[in-house]
Amino acid sequence: MIQTKDSEPIASTSADCAGDDLARVTREIVRAIKSVGYGSVEIVIRNSRVVQIERREKFRFD
């Protein structure tokens, strides 16, 4: 199970991350990028598998 830093489930992948799983992980990465106005998205990989996506958003006030 892939989870964001705040424990929101993102996606689950098989050992080889093939087919539908790869497409789902790709969609979730794009969704995480689009949801951050200013900040970063970190993708954690273990044994050639995406195991976690972390979103960090910053808010600046003038």
N, C-alpha and C. Protein backbone atom coordinates (compact mmCIF):
# COMPACT_ATOMS: atom_id res chain seq x y z
N MET A 1 0.85 -1.18 0.00
CA MET A 1 0.00 0.00 0.00
C MET A 1 0.89 1.23 0.00
N ILE A 2 0.61 2.15 -0.88
CA ILE A 2 1.33 3.42 -0.91
C ILE A 2 0.52 4.44 -0.14
N GLN A 3 1.19 5.20 0.71
CA GLN A 3 0.50 6.19 1.52
C GLN A 3 1.23 7.51 1.48
N THR A 4 0.47 8.59 1.59
CA THR A 4 1.08 9.89 1.72
C THR A 4 1.57 10.07 3.14
N LYS A 5 2.29 11.13 3.38
CA LYS A 5 2.83 11.38 4.72
C LYS A 5 1.72 11.45 5.76
N ASP A 6 0.54 11.96 5.36
CA ASP A 6 -0.58 12.06 6.30
C ASP A 6 -1.44 10.79 6.31
N SER A 7 -0.88 9.68 5.84
CA SER A 7 -1.48 8.35 5.85
C SER A 7 -2.70 8.21 4.95
N GLU A 8 -2.84 9.07 3.95
CA GLU A 8 -3.91 8.92 2.96
C GLU A 8 -3.47 7.87 1.95
N PRO A 9 -4.24 6.77 1.77
CA PRO A 9 -3.84 5.75 0.80
C PRO A 9 -3.76 6.34 -0.60
N ILE A 10 -2.73 5.97 -1.34
CA ILE A 10 -2.55 6.46 -2.70
C ILE A 10 -2.78 5.34 -3.71
N ALA A 11 -2.04 4.25 -3.62
CA ALA A 11 -2.19 3.17 -4.57
C ALA A 11 -1.50 1.93 -4.03
N SER A 12 -1.86 0.79 -4.56
CA SER A 12 -1.13 -0.43 -4.23
C SER A 12 -0.54 -0.97 -5.52
N THR A 13 0.63 -1.60 -5.43
CA THR A 13 1.30 -2.10 -6.62
C THR A 13 1.70 -3.54 -6.43
N SER A 14 1.82 -4.27 -7.54
CA SER A 14 2.34 -5.63 -7.48
C SER A 14 3.85 -5.57 -7.48
N ALA A 15 4.50 -6.72 -7.30
CA ALA A 15 5.96 -6.75 -7.22
C ALA A 15 6.61 -6.20 -8.47
N ASP A 16 6.01 -6.45 -9.64
CA ASP A 16 6.63 -5.96 -10.86
C ASP A 16 6.02 -4.66 -11.36
N CYS A 17 5.00 -4.16 -10.72
CA CYS A 17 4.37 -2.88 -11.03
C CYS A 17 4.01 -2.80 -12.52
N ALA A 18 3.35 -3.83 -13.04
CA ALA A 18 3.04 -3.89 -14.46
C ALA A 18 1.60 -3.48 -14.74
N GLY A 19 1.35 -3.11 -15.98
CA GLY A 19 0.01 -2.87 -16.49
C GLY A 19 -0.78 -1.83 -15.73
N ASP A 20 -1.93 -2.24 -15.20
CA ASP A 20 -2.84 -1.33 -14.51
C ASP A 20 -2.18 -0.69 -13.29
N ASP A 21 -1.33 -1.43 -12.58
CA ASP A 21 -0.66 -0.88 -11.40
C ASP A 21 0.26 0.27 -11.77
N LEU A 22 1.01 0.12 -12.83
CA LEU A 22 1.90 1.19 -13.27
C LEU A 22 1.10 2.41 -13.68
N ALA A 23 0.00 2.21 -14.39
CA ALA A 23 -0.86 3.32 -14.79
C ALA A 23 -1.45 4.01 -13.57
N ARG A 24 -1.85 3.25 -12.58
CA ARG A 24 -2.44 3.84 -11.36
C ARG A 24 -1.41 4.65 -10.59
N VAL A 25 -0.19 4.11 -10.44
CA VAL A 25 0.87 4.84 -9.75
C VAL A 25 1.18 6.14 -10.50
N THR A 26 1.25 6.06 -11.82
CA THR A 26 1.50 7.26 -12.63
C THR A 26 0.41 8.30 -12.42
N ARG A 27 -0.85 7.88 -12.42
CA ARG A 27 -1.97 8.81 -12.18
C ARG A 27 -1.87 9.46 -10.81
N GLU A 28 -1.51 8.68 -9.80
CA GLU A 28 -1.42 9.22 -8.45
C GLU A 28 -0.26 10.20 -8.31
N ILE A 29 0.84 9.95 -9.00
CA ILE A 29 1.96 10.89 -8.98
C ILE A 29 1.54 12.19 -9.62
N VAL A 30 0.88 12.12 -10.76
CA VAL A 30 0.41 13.33 -11.44
C VAL A 30 -0.60 14.07 -10.57
N ARG A 31 -1.50 13.33 -9.91
CA ARG A 31 -2.49 13.95 -9.02
C ARG A 31 -1.80 14.68 -7.87
N ALA A 32 -0.76 14.07 -7.30
CA ALA A 32 -0.04 14.70 -6.20
C ALA A 32 0.64 15.98 -6.67
N ILE A 33 1.23 15.94 -7.86
CA ILE A 33 1.90 17.13 -8.40
C ILE A 33 0.90 18.25 -8.64
N LYS A 34 -0.25 17.91 -9.22
CA LYS A 34 -1.26 18.94 -9.52
C LYS A 34 -1.88 19.53 -8.26
N SER A 35 -1.88 18.78 -7.17
CA SER A 35 -2.54 19.25 -5.95
C SER A 35 -1.67 20.18 -5.10
N VAL A 36 -0.38 20.29 -5.43
CA VAL A 36 0.52 21.14 -4.66
C VAL A 36 0.72 22.46 -5.40
N GLY A 37 0.30 23.55 -4.76
CA GLY A 37 0.49 24.87 -5.36
C GLY A 37 1.93 25.32 -5.26
N TYR A 38 2.54 25.11 -4.11
CA TYR A 38 3.94 25.46 -3.88
C TYR A 38 4.48 24.47 -2.86
N GLY A 39 5.47 23.70 -3.23
CA GLY A 39 6.01 22.71 -2.32
C GLY A 39 6.76 21.64 -3.07
N SER A 40 6.62 20.38 -2.65
CA SER A 40 7.34 19.30 -3.30
C SER A 40 6.56 17.99 -3.21
N VAL A 41 6.91 17.07 -4.13
CA VAL A 41 6.37 15.71 -4.12
C VAL A 41 7.58 14.79 -4.12
N GLU A 42 7.60 13.88 -3.14
CA GLU A 42 8.72 12.94 -3.03
C GLU A 42 8.18 11.54 -3.29
N ILE A 43 8.88 10.79 -4.15
CA ILE A 43 8.49 9.42 -4.48
C ILE A 43 9.55 8.50 -3.88
N VAL A 44 9.12 7.59 -3.01
CA VAL A 44 10.03 6.66 -2.36
C VAL A 44 9.96 5.33 -3.10
N ILE A 45 11.12 4.82 -3.49
CA ILE A 45 11.20 3.58 -4.26
C ILE A 45 12.01 2.57 -3.47
N ARG A 46 11.53 1.34 -3.41
CA ARG A 46 12.24 0.26 -2.73
C ARG A 46 12.17 -0.96 -3.65
N ASN A 47 13.32 -1.53 -3.97
CA ASN A 47 13.40 -2.70 -4.87
C ASN A 47 12.68 -2.43 -6.19
N SER A 48 12.92 -1.27 -6.77
CA SER A 48 12.35 -0.86 -8.05
C SER A 48 10.84 -0.71 -8.03
N ARG A 49 10.25 -0.55 -6.84
CA ARG A 49 8.80 -0.35 -6.69
C ARG A 49 8.53 0.95 -5.98
N VAL A 50 7.52 1.66 -6.44
CA VAL A 50 7.08 2.85 -5.73
C VAL A 50 6.34 2.36 -4.49
N VAL A 51 6.81 2.77 -3.32
CA VAL A 51 6.20 2.31 -2.08
C VAL A 51 5.53 3.45 -1.31
N GLN A 52 5.84 4.70 -1.69
CA GLN A 52 5.27 5.82 -0.94
C GLN A 52 5.37 7.08 -1.77
N ILE A 53 4.34 7.93 -1.64
CA ILE A 53 4.35 9.25 -2.25
C ILE A 53 4.08 10.26 -1.15
N GLU A 54 4.98 11.24 -0.99
CA GLU A 54 4.80 12.27 0.03
C GLU A 54 4.58 13.61 -0.65
N ARG A 55 3.58 14.32 -0.17
CA ARG A 55 3.26 15.66 -0.66
C ARG A 55 3.58 16.64 0.43
N ARG A 56 4.32 17.70 0.10
CA ARG A 56 4.58 18.77 1.08
C ARG A 56 4.17 20.07 0.43
N GLU A 57 3.27 20.75 1.07
CA GLU A 57 2.82 22.03 0.55
C GLU A 57 3.17 23.14 1.52
N LYS A 58 3.62 24.24 0.96
CA LYS A 58 3.98 25.40 1.79
C LYS A 58 2.99 26.52 1.54
N PHE A 59 2.72 27.26 2.57
CA PHE A 59 1.84 28.42 2.47
C PHE A 59 2.64 29.64 2.88
N ARG A 60 2.67 30.63 2.01
CA ARG A 60 3.40 31.86 2.31
C ARG A 60 2.41 33.00 2.42
N PHE A 61 2.64 33.86 3.38
CA PHE A 61 1.79 35.00 3.61
C PHE A 61 2.62 36.27 3.47
N ASP A 62 2.12 37.22 2.71
CA ASP A 62 2.83 38.49 2.53
C ASP A 62 2.40 39.51 3.55
